[in-house]
Amino acid sequence: AYKADIQQKAREATGRDLVIDGNIKLSILPSPQLSAEGV
């Protein structure tokens, strides 16, 4: 649900488009990790 926000922030910061076609996942253990597919 946060894809659009992430893509907008990347556009504002770089002037380029970021597209995330796949899923975004977060895991906490054993260490916090964010993953995205199709970037």
All heavy atoms as atom14 arrays in JSON, in Angstrom:
{
  "sequence": "AYKADIQQKAREATGRDLVIDGNIKLSILPSPQLSAEGV",
  "atom14_mask": [
    [1, 1, 1, 1, 1, 0, 0, 0, 0, 0, 0, 0, 0, 0],
    [1, 1, 1, 1, 1, 1, 1, 1, 1, 1, 1, 1, 0, 0],
    [1, 1, 1, 1, 1, 1, 1, 1, 1, 0, 0, 0, 0, 0],
    [1, 1, 1, 1, 1, 0, 0, 0, 0, 0, 0, 0, 0, 0],
    [1, 1, 1, 1, 1, 1, 1, 1, 0, 0, 0, 0, 0, 0],
    [1, 1, 1, 1, 1, 1, 1, 1, 0, 0, 0, 0, 0, 0],
    [1, 1, 1, 1, 1, 1, 1, 1, 1, 0, 0, 0, 0, 0],
    [1, 1, 1, 1, 1, 1, 1, 1, 1, 0, 0, 0, 0, 0],
    [1, 1, 1, 1, 1, 1, 1, 1, 1, 0, 0, 0, 0, 0],
    [1, 1, 1, 1, 1, 0, 0, 0, 0, 0, 0, 0, 0, 0],
    [1, 1, 1, 1, 1, 1, 1, 1, 1, 1, 1, 0, 0, 0],
    [1, 1, 1, 1, 1, 1, 1, 1, 1, 0, 0, 0, 0, 0],
    [1, 1, 1, 1, 1, 0, 0, 0, 0, 0, 0, 0, 0, 0],
    [1, 1, 1, 1, 1, 1, 1, 0, 0, 0, 0, 0, 0, 0],
    [1, 1, 1, 1, 0, 0, 0, 0, 0, 0, 0, 0, 0, 0],
    [1, 1, 1, 1, 1, 1, 1, 1, 1, 1, 1, 0, 0, 0],
    [1, 1, 1, 1, 1, 1, 1, 1, 0, 0, 0, 0, 0, 0],
    [1, 1, 1, 1, 1, 1, 1, 1, 0, 0, 0, 0, 0, 0],
    [1, 1, 1, 1, 1, 1, 1, 0, 0, 0, 0, 0, 0, 0],
    [1, 1, 1, 1, 1, 1, 1, 1, 0, 0, 0, 0, 0, 0],
    [1, 1, 1, 1, 1, 1, 1, 1, 0, 0, 0, 0, 0, 0],
    [1, 1, 1, 1, 0, 0, 0, 0, 0, 0, 0, 0, 0, 0],
    [1, 1, 1, 1, 1, 1, 1, 1, 0, 0, 0, 0, 0, 0],
    [1, 1, 1, 1, 1, 1, 1, 1, 0, 0, 0, 0, 0, 0],
    [1, 1, 1, 1, 1, 1, 1, 1, 1, 0, 0, 0, 0, 0],
    [1, 1, 1, 1, 1, 1, 1, 1, 0, 0, 0, 0, 0, 0],
    [1, 1, 1, 1, 1, 1, 0, 0, 0, 0, 0, 0, 0, 0],
    [1, 1, 1, 1, 1, 1, 1, 1, 0, 0, 0, 0, 0, 0],
    [1, 1, 1, 1, 1, 1, 1, 1, 0, 0, 0, 0, 0, 0],
    [1, 1, 1, 1, 1, 1, 1, 0, 0, 0, 0, 0, 0, 0],
    [1, 1, 1, 1, 1, 1, 0, 0, 0, 0, 0, 0, 0, 0],
    [1, 1, 1, 1, 1, 1, 1, 0, 0, 0, 0, 0, 0, 0],
    [1, 1, 1, 1, 1, 1, 1, 1, 1, 0, 0, 0, 0, 0],
    [1, 1, 1, 1, 1, 1, 1, 1, 0, 0, 0, 0, 0, 0],
    [1, 1, 1, 1, 1, 1, 0, 0, 0, 0, 0, 0, 0, 0],
    [1, 1, 1, 1, 1, 0, 0, 0, 0, 0, 0, 0, 0, 0],
    [1, 1, 1, 1, 1, 1, 1, 1, 1, 0, 0, 0, 0, 0],
    [1, 1, 1, 1, 0, 0, 0, 0, 0, 0, 0, 0, 0, 0],
    [1, 1, 1, 1, 1, 1, 1, 0, 0, 0, 0, 0, 0, 0]
  ],
  "atom14_positions": [
    [[0.83, -1.21, 0.0], [0.0, 0.0, 0.0], [0.86, 1.26, 0.0], [0.38, 2.35, -0.32], [-0.92, -0.01, 1.22], [0.0, 0.0, 0.0], [0.0, 0.0, 0.0], [0.0, 0.0, 0.0], [0.0, 0.0, 0.0], [0.0, 0.0, 0.0], [0.0, 0.0, 0.0], [0.0, 0.0, 0.0], [0.0, 0.0, 0.0], [0.0, 0.0, 0.0]],
    [[2.14, 1.13, 0.34], [3.05, 2.28, 0.39], [3.87, 2.45, -0.89], [4.71, 3.34, -0.96], [4.0, 2.13, 1.59], [3.27, 2.13, 2.9], [3.02, 0.95, 3.58], [2.8, 3.31, 3.46], [2.34, 0.94, 4.79], [2.12, 3.32, 4.66], [1.89, 2.13, 5.32], [1.21, 2.12, 6.51], [0.0, 0.0, 0.0], [0.0, 0.0, 0.0]],
    [[3.64, 1.62, -1.9], [4.41, 1.71, -3.14], [4.36, 3.11, -3.75], [5.39, 3.66, -4.13], [3.9, 0.71, -4.17], [4.42, -0.66, -4.03], [3.92, -1.5, -5.19], [4.2, -2.95, -4.97], [3.71, -3.78, -6.08], [0.0, 0.0, 0.0], [0.0, 0.0, 0.0], [0.0, 0.0, 0.0], [0.0, 0.0, 0.0], [0.0, 0.0, 0.0]],
    [[3.18, 3.66, -3.86], [3.04, 4.99, -4.49], [3.82, 6.04, -3.72], [4.46, 6.91, -4.34], [1.56, 5.37, -4.59], [0.0, 0.0, 0.0], [0.0, 0.0, 0.0], [0.0, 0.0, 0.0], [0.0, 0.0, 0.0], [0.0, 0.0, 0.0], [0.0, 0.0, 0.0], [0.0, 0.0, 0.0], [0.0, 0.0, 0.0], [0.0, 0.0, 0.0]],
    [[3.78, 5.98, -2.4], [4.53, 6.95, -1.59], [6.04, 6.79, -1.79], [6.77, 7.78, -1.92], [4.19, 6.79, -0.1], [2.76, 7.16, 0.22], [2.18, 7.98, -0.53], [2.24, 6.65, 1.22], [0.0, 0.0, 0.0], [0.0, 0.0, 0.0], [0.0, 0.0, 0.0], [0.0, 0.0, 0.0], [0.0, 0.0, 0.0], [0.0, 0.0, 0.0]],
    [[6.5, 5.55, -1.81], [7.93, 5.28, -2.01], [8.37, 5.79, -3.38], [9.4, 6.45, -3.52], [8.22, 3.78, -1.85], [7.96, 3.33, -0.41], [9.65, 3.45, -2.29], [7.94, 1.82, -0.23], [0.0, 0.0, 0.0], [0.0, 0.0, 0.0], [0.0, 0.0, 0.0], [0.0, 0.0, 0.0], [0.0, 0.0, 0.0], [0.0, 0.0, 0.0]],
    [[7.56, 5.5, -4.39], [7.9, 5.91, -5.74], [7.91, 7.44, -5.87], [8.77, 8.01, -6.53], [6.94, 5.27, -6.74], [7.13, 3.77, -6.8], [6.04, 3.04, -7.55], [4.97, 3.58, -7.83], [6.3, 1.79, -7.9], [0.0, 0.0, 0.0], [0.0, 0.0, 0.0], [0.0, 0.0, 0.0], [0.0, 0.0, 0.0], [0.0, 0.0, 0.0]],
    [[6.98, 8.09, -5.22], [6.91, 9.56, -5.26], [8.12, 10.18, -4.56], [8.71, 11.13, -5.07], [5.61, 10.06, -4.61], [5.48, 11.57, -4.58], [5.44, 12.18, -5.97], [4.94, 11.59, -6.92], [6.0, 13.38, -6.11], [0.0, 0.0, 0.0], [0.0, 0.0, 0.0], [0.0, 0.0, 0.0], [0.0, 0.0, 0.0], [0.0, 0.0, 0.0]],
    [[8.49, 9.66, -3.4], [9.66, 10.17, -2.67], [10.94, 9.97, -3.49], [11.82, 10.85, -3.51], [9.8, 9.51, -1.31], [8.7, 9.85, -0.34], [8.74, 11.32, 0.02], [7.66, 11.62, 1.05], [7.55, 13.03, 1.34], [0.0, 0.0, 0.0], [0.0, 0.0, 0.0], [0.0, 0.0, 0.0], [0.0, 0.0, 0.0], [0.0, 0.0, 0.0]],
    [[11.06, 8.83, -4.18], [12.23, 8.59, -5.02], [12.26, 9.58, -6.17], [13.32, 10.11, -6.53], [12.22, 7.16, -5.55], [0.0, 0.0, 0.0], [0.0, 0.0, 0.0], [0.0, 0.0, 0.0], [0.0, 0.0, 0.0], [0.0, 0.0, 0.0], [0.0, 0.0, 0.0], [0.0, 0.0, 0.0], [0.0, 0.0, 0.0], [0.0, 0.0, 0.0]],
    [[11.11, 9.87, -6.74], [11.02, 10.85, -7.84], [11.42, 12.24, -7.36], [12.16, 12.96, -8.04], [9.59, 10.87, -8.41], [9.35, 11.89, -9.47], [9.87, 11.4, -10.78], [9.56, 12.38, -11.81], [10.28, 12.52, -12.89], [11.3, 11.74, -13.11], [9.97, 13.41, -13.78], [0.0, 0.0, 0.0], [0.0, 0.0, 0.0], [0.0, 0.0, 0.0]],
    [[10.94, 12.62, -6.18], [11.28, 13.94, -5.62], [12.78, 14.04, -5.31], [13.39, 15.08, -5.51], [10.48, 14.19, -4.34], [9.01, 14.42, -4.57], [8.19, 14.45, -3.29], [8.79, 14.44, -2.19], [6.95, 14.49, -3.39], [0.0, 0.0, 0.0], [0.0, 0.0, 0.0], [0.0, 0.0, 0.0], [0.0, 0.0, 0.0], [0.0, 0.0, 0.0]],
    [[13.37, 12.97, -4.83], [14.78, 12.99, -4.43], [15.74, 12.92, -5.61], [16.83, 13.49, -5.56], [15.07, 11.84, -3.47], [0.0, 0.0, 0.0], [0.0, 0.0, 0.0], [0.0, 0.0, 0.0], [0.0, 0.0, 0.0], [0.0, 0.0, 0.0], [0.0, 0.0, 0.0], [0.0, 0.0, 0.0], [0.0, 0.0, 0.0], [0.0, 0.0, 0.0]],
    [[15.35, 12.21, -6.69], [16.28, 11.97, -7.78], [15.87, 12.57, -9.11], [16.7, 12.68, -10.01], [16.47, 10.45, -8.0], [15.22, 9.89, -8.44], [16.94, 9.76, -6.73], [0.0, 0.0, 0.0], [0.0, 0.0, 0.0], [0.0, 0.0, 0.0], [0.0, 0.0, 0.0], [0.0, 0.0, 0.0], [0.0, 0.0, 0.0], [0.0, 0.0, 0.0]],
    [[14.59, 12.88, -9.26], [14.1, 13.34, -10.56], [13.87, 12.21, -11.53], [13.59, 12.44, -12.7], [0.0, 0.0, 0.0], [0.0, 0.0, 0.0], [0.0, 0.0, 0.0], [0.0, 0.0, 0.0], [0.0, 0.0, 0.0], [0.0, 0.0, 0.0], [0.0, 0.0, 0.0], [0.0, 0.0, 0.0], [0.0, 0.0, 0.0], [0.0, 0.0, 0.0]],
    [[13.98, 10.98, -11.07], [13.79, 9.8, -11.92], [12.69, 8.92, -11.34], [12.42, 8.93, -10.15], [15.08, 8.99, -12.01], [16.23, 9.77, -12.6], [17.44, 8.9, -12.68], [18.62, 9.68, -13.0], [19.79, 9.15, -13.27], [19.93, 7.84, -13.27], [20.81, 9.9, -13.55], [0.0, 0.0, 0.0], [0.0, 0.0, 0.0], [0.0, 0.0, 0.0]],
    [[12.12, 8.11, -12.21], [11.04, 7.23, -11.79], [11.59, 5.93, -11.21], [12.52, 5.34, -11.75], [10.11, 6.9, -12.96], [9.29, 8.09, -13.4], [8.96, 8.93, -12.54], [9.0, 8.19, -14.6], [0.0, 0.0, 0.0], [0.0, 0.0, 0.0], [0.0, 0.0, 0.0], [0.0, 0.0, 0.0], [0.0, 0.0, 0.0], [0.0, 0.0, 0.0]],
    [[10.99, 5.51, -10.12], [11.25, 4.21, -9.51], [9.97, 3.41, -9.63], [8.89, 3.9, -9.31], [11.61, 4.37, -8.02], [11.75, 3.08, -7.23], [13.02, 2.34, -7.63], [11.77, 3.37, -5.73], [0.0, 0.0, 0.0], [0.0, 0.0, 0.0], [0.0, 0.0, 0.0], [0.0, 0.0, 0.0], [0.0, 0.0, 0.0], [0.0, 0.0, 0.0]],
    [[10.08, 2.19, -10.14], [8.91, 1.32, -10.29], [9.16, 0.04, -9.51], [10.22, -0.58, -9.63], [8.65, 1.0, -11.78], [7.48, 0.04, -11.92], [8.4, 2.27, -12.56], [0.0, 0.0, 0.0], [0.0, 0.0, 0.0], [0.0, 0.0, 0.0], [0.0, 0.0, 0.0], [0.0, 0.0, 0.0], [0.0, 0.0, 0.0], [0.0, 0.0, 0.0]],
    [[8.19, -0.35, -8.7], [8.25, -1.62, -7.96], [7.09, -2.46, -8.46], [5.94, -2.22, -8.11], [8.16, -1.39, -6.44], [9.27, -0.43, -5.99], [8.25, -2.72, -5.7], [9.13, 0.05, -4.57], [0.0, 0.0, 0.0], [0.0, 0.0, 0.0], [0.0, 0.0, 0.0], [0.0, 0.0, 0.0], [0.0, 0.0, 0.0], [0.0, 0.0, 0.0]],
    [[7.4, -3.44, -9.32], [6.36, -4.27, -9.92], [5.89, -5.39, -9.0], [4.76, -5.83, -9.08], [6.86, -4.9, -11.23], [7.04, -3.87, -12.33], [6.24, -2.92, -12.39], [7.99, -4.01, -13.12], [0.0, 0.0, 0.0], [0.0, 0.0, 0.0], [0.0, 0.0, 0.0], [0.0, 0.0, 0.0], [0.0, 0.0, 0.0], [0.0, 0.0, 0.0]],
    [[6.78, -5.85, -8.12], [6.45, -7.0, -7.26], [6.04, -6.57, -5.87], [5.67, -5.42, -5.62], [0.0, 0.0, 0.0], [0.0, 0.0, 0.0], [0.0, 0.0, 0.0], [0.0, 0.0, 0.0], [0.0, 0.0, 0.0], [0.0, 0.0, 0.0], [0.0, 0.0, 0.0], [0.0, 0.0, 0.0], [0.0, 0.0, 0.0], [0.0, 0.0, 0.0]],
    [[6.14, -7.5, -4.95], [5.73, -7.28, -3.57], [6.83, -6.64, -2.74], [8.02, -6.84, -2.99], [5.33, -8.61, -2.92], [4.04, -9.14, -3.47], [3.13, -8.38, -3.78], [3.95, -10.44, -3.61], [0.0, 0.0, 0.0], [0.0, 0.0, 0.0], [0.0, 0.0, 0.0], [0.0, 0.0, 0.0], [0.0, 0.0, 0.0], [0.0, 0.0, 0.0]],
    [[6.42, -5.91, -1.72], [7.31, -5.36, -0.72], [7.03, -6.12, 0.57], [5.88, -6.27, 0.96], [7.06, -3.85, -0.49], [7.3, -3.09, -1.79], [7.94, -3.33, 0.63], [6.91, -1.63, -1.69], [0.0, 0.0, 0.0], [0.0, 0.0, 0.0], [0.0, 0.0, 0.0], [0.0, 0.0, 0.0], [0.0, 0.0, 0.0], [0.0, 0.0, 0.0]],
    [[8.1, -6.61, 1.21], [7.95, -7.37, 2.44], [8.9, -6.86, 3.5], [9.97, -6.35, 3.2], [8.24, -8.85, 2.18], [7.31, -9.51, 1.2], [7.72, -10.94, 0.94], [6.87, -11.54, -0.16], [7.37, -12.85, -0.57], [0.0, 0.0, 0.0], [0.0, 0.0, 0.0], [0.0, 0.0, 0.0], [0.0, 0.0, 0.0], [0.0, 0.0, 0.0]],
    [[8.51, -7.02, 4.76], [9.35, -6.64, 5.88], [9.45, -7.83, 6.83], [8.45, -8.49, 7.11], [8.74, -5.45, 6.64], [9.48, -5.03, 7.91], [10.79, -4.35, 7.56], [8.62, -4.11, 8.74], [0.0, 0.0, 0.0], [0.0, 0.0, 0.0], [0.0, 0.0, 0.0], [0.0, 0.0, 0.0], [0.0, 0.0, 0.0], [0.0, 0.0, 0.0]],
    [[10.66, -8.09, 7.28], [10.85, -9.09, 8.32], [11.66, -8.44, 9.43], [12.48, -7.57, 9.18], [11.55, -10.34, 7.78], [12.83, -10.02, 7.31], [0.0, 0.0, 0.0], [0.0, 0.0, 0.0], [0.0, 0.0, 0.0], [0.0, 0.0, 0.0], [0.0, 0.0, 0.0], [0.0, 0.0, 0.0], [0.0, 0.0, 0.0], [0.0, 0.0, 0.0]],
    [[11.41, -8.84, 10.65], [12.06, -8.25, 11.8], [13.23, -9.09, 12.3], [14.26, -8.57, 12.66], [11.04, -8.04, 12.95], [9.9, -7.15, 12.49], [11.71, -7.49, 14.19], [10.3, -5.73, 12.15], [0.0, 0.0, 0.0], [0.0, 0.0, 0.0], [0.0, 0.0, 0.0], [0.0, 0.0, 0.0], [0.0, 0.0, 0.0], [0.0, 0.0, 0.0]],
    [[13.04, -10.41, 12.32], [14.06, -11.29, 12.87], [14.69, -12.12, 11.77], [14.01, -12.51, 10.83], [13.44, -12.2, 13.93], [12.91, -11.47, 15.15], [12.16, -12.45, 16.05], [14.01, -10.79, 15.92], [0.0, 0.0, 0.0], [0.0, 0.0, 0.0], [0.0, 0.0, 0.0], [0.0, 0.0, 0.0], [0.0, 0.0, 0.0], [0.0, 0.0, 0.0]],
    [[15.96, -12.42, 11.82], [16.91, -12.14, 12.89], [17.38, -10.69, 12.92], [17.84, -10.2, 13.94], [18.07, -13.09, 12.59], [18.01, -13.31, 11.12], [16.56, -13.21, 10.75], [0.0, 0.0, 0.0], [0.0, 0.0, 0.0], [0.0, 0.0, 0.0], [0.0, 0.0, 0.0], [0.0, 0.0, 0.0], [0.0, 0.0, 0.0], [0.0, 0.0, 0.0]],
    [[17.26, -9.99, 11.79], [17.53, -8.56, 11.77], [16.5, -7.92, 10.84], [16.0, -8.57, 9.93], [18.96, -8.26, 11.27], [19.09, -8.62, 9.91], [0.0, 0.0, 0.0], [0.0, 0.0, 0.0], [0.0, 0.0, 0.0], [0.0, 0.0, 0.0], [0.0, 0.0, 0.0], [0.0, 0.0, 0.0], [0.0, 0.0, 0.0], [0.0, 0.0, 0.0]],
    [[16.15, -6.66, 11.08], [15.15, -6.01, 10.23], [15.61, -5.99, 8.77], [16.75, -5.62, 8.47], [15.07, -4.6, 10.8], [15.56, -4.71, 12.19], [16.6, -5.8, 12.16], [0.0, 0.0, 0.0], [0.0, 0.0, 0.0], [0.0, 0.0, 0.0], [0.0, 0.0, 0.0], [0.0, 0.0, 0.0], [0.0, 0.0, 0.0], [0.0, 0.0, 0.0]],
    [[14.72, -6.44, 7.89], [15.06, -6.53, 6.47], [13.84, -6.17, 5.63], [12.74, -6.67, 5.86], [15.52, -7.94, 6.14], [16.0, -8.11, 4.72], [16.49, -9.51, 4.47], [15.69, -10.42, 4.3], [17.8, -9.69, 4.47], [0.0, 0.0, 0.0], [0.0, 0.0, 0.0], [0.0, 0.0, 0.0], [0.0, 0.0, 0.0], [0.0, 0.0, 0.0]],
    [[14.05, -5.29, 4.68], [13.01, -4.9, 3.73], [13.39, -5.48, 2.38], [14.55, -5.39, 1.97], [12.93, -3.37, 3.63], [11.87, -2.82, 2.69], [10.49, -3.03, 3.29], [12.11, -1.36, 2.43], [0.0, 0.0, 0.0], [0.0, 0.0, 0.0], [0.0, 0.0, 0.0], [0.0, 0.0, 0.0], [0.0, 0.0, 0.0], [0.0, 0.0, 0.0]],
    [[12.43, -6.1, 1.71], [12.71, -6.65, 0.39], [11.62, -6.21, -0.59], [10.48, -5.99, -0.21], [12.79, -8.18, 0.44], [11.55, -8.73, 0.84], [0.0, 0.0, 0.0], [0.0, 0.0, 0.0], [0.0, 0.0, 0.0], [0.0, 0.0, 0.0], [0.0, 0.0, 0.0], [0.0, 0.0, 0.0], [0.0, 0.0, 0.0], [0.0, 0.0, 0.0]],
    [[12.04, -6.07, -1.83], [11.11, -5.69, -2.9], [11.48, -6.49, -4.14], [12.66, -6.76, -4.39], [11.21, -4.19, -3.18], [0.0, 0.0, 0.0], [0.0, 0.0, 0.0], [0.0, 0.0, 0.0], [0.0, 0.0, 0.0], [0.0, 0.0, 0.0], [0.0, 0.0, 0.0], [0.0, 0.0, 0.0], [0.0, 0.0, 0.0], [0.0, 0.0, 0.0]],
    [[10.48, -6.84, -4.92], [10.69, -7.63, -6.13], [10.32, -6.79, -7.35], [9.42, -5.95, -7.3], [9.83, -8.89, -6.09], [10.17, -9.81, -4.94], [9.2, -10.97, -4.81], [8.15, -10.95, -5.49], [9.48, -11.87, -4.01], [0.0, 0.0, 0.0], [0.0, 0.0, 0.0], [0.0, 0.0, 0.0], [0.0, 0.0, 0.0], [0.0, 0.0, 0.0]],
    [[11.03, -7.02, -8.45], [10.72, -6.34, -9.69], [10.93, -4.84, -9.61], [10.02, -4.07, -9.87], [0.0, 0.0, 0.0], [0.0, 0.0, 0.0], [0.0, 0.0, 0.0], [0.0, 0.0, 0.0], [0.0, 0.0, 0.0], [0.0, 0.0, 0.0], [0.0, 0.0, 0.0], [0.0, 0.0, 0.0], [0.0, 0.0, 0.0], [0.0, 0.0, 0.0]],
    [[12.14, -4.43, -9.27], [12.45, -3.01, -9.08], [13.14, -2.47, -10.34], [14.07, -3.09, -10.86], [13.36, -2.8, -7.85], [13.71, -1.34, -7.68], [12.69, -3.36, -6.61], [0.0, 0.0, 0.0], [0.0, 0.0, 0.0], [0.0, 0.0, 0.0], [0.0, 0.0, 0.0], [0.0, 0.0, 0.0], [0.0, 0.0, 0.0], [0.0, 0.0, 0.0]]
  ]
}
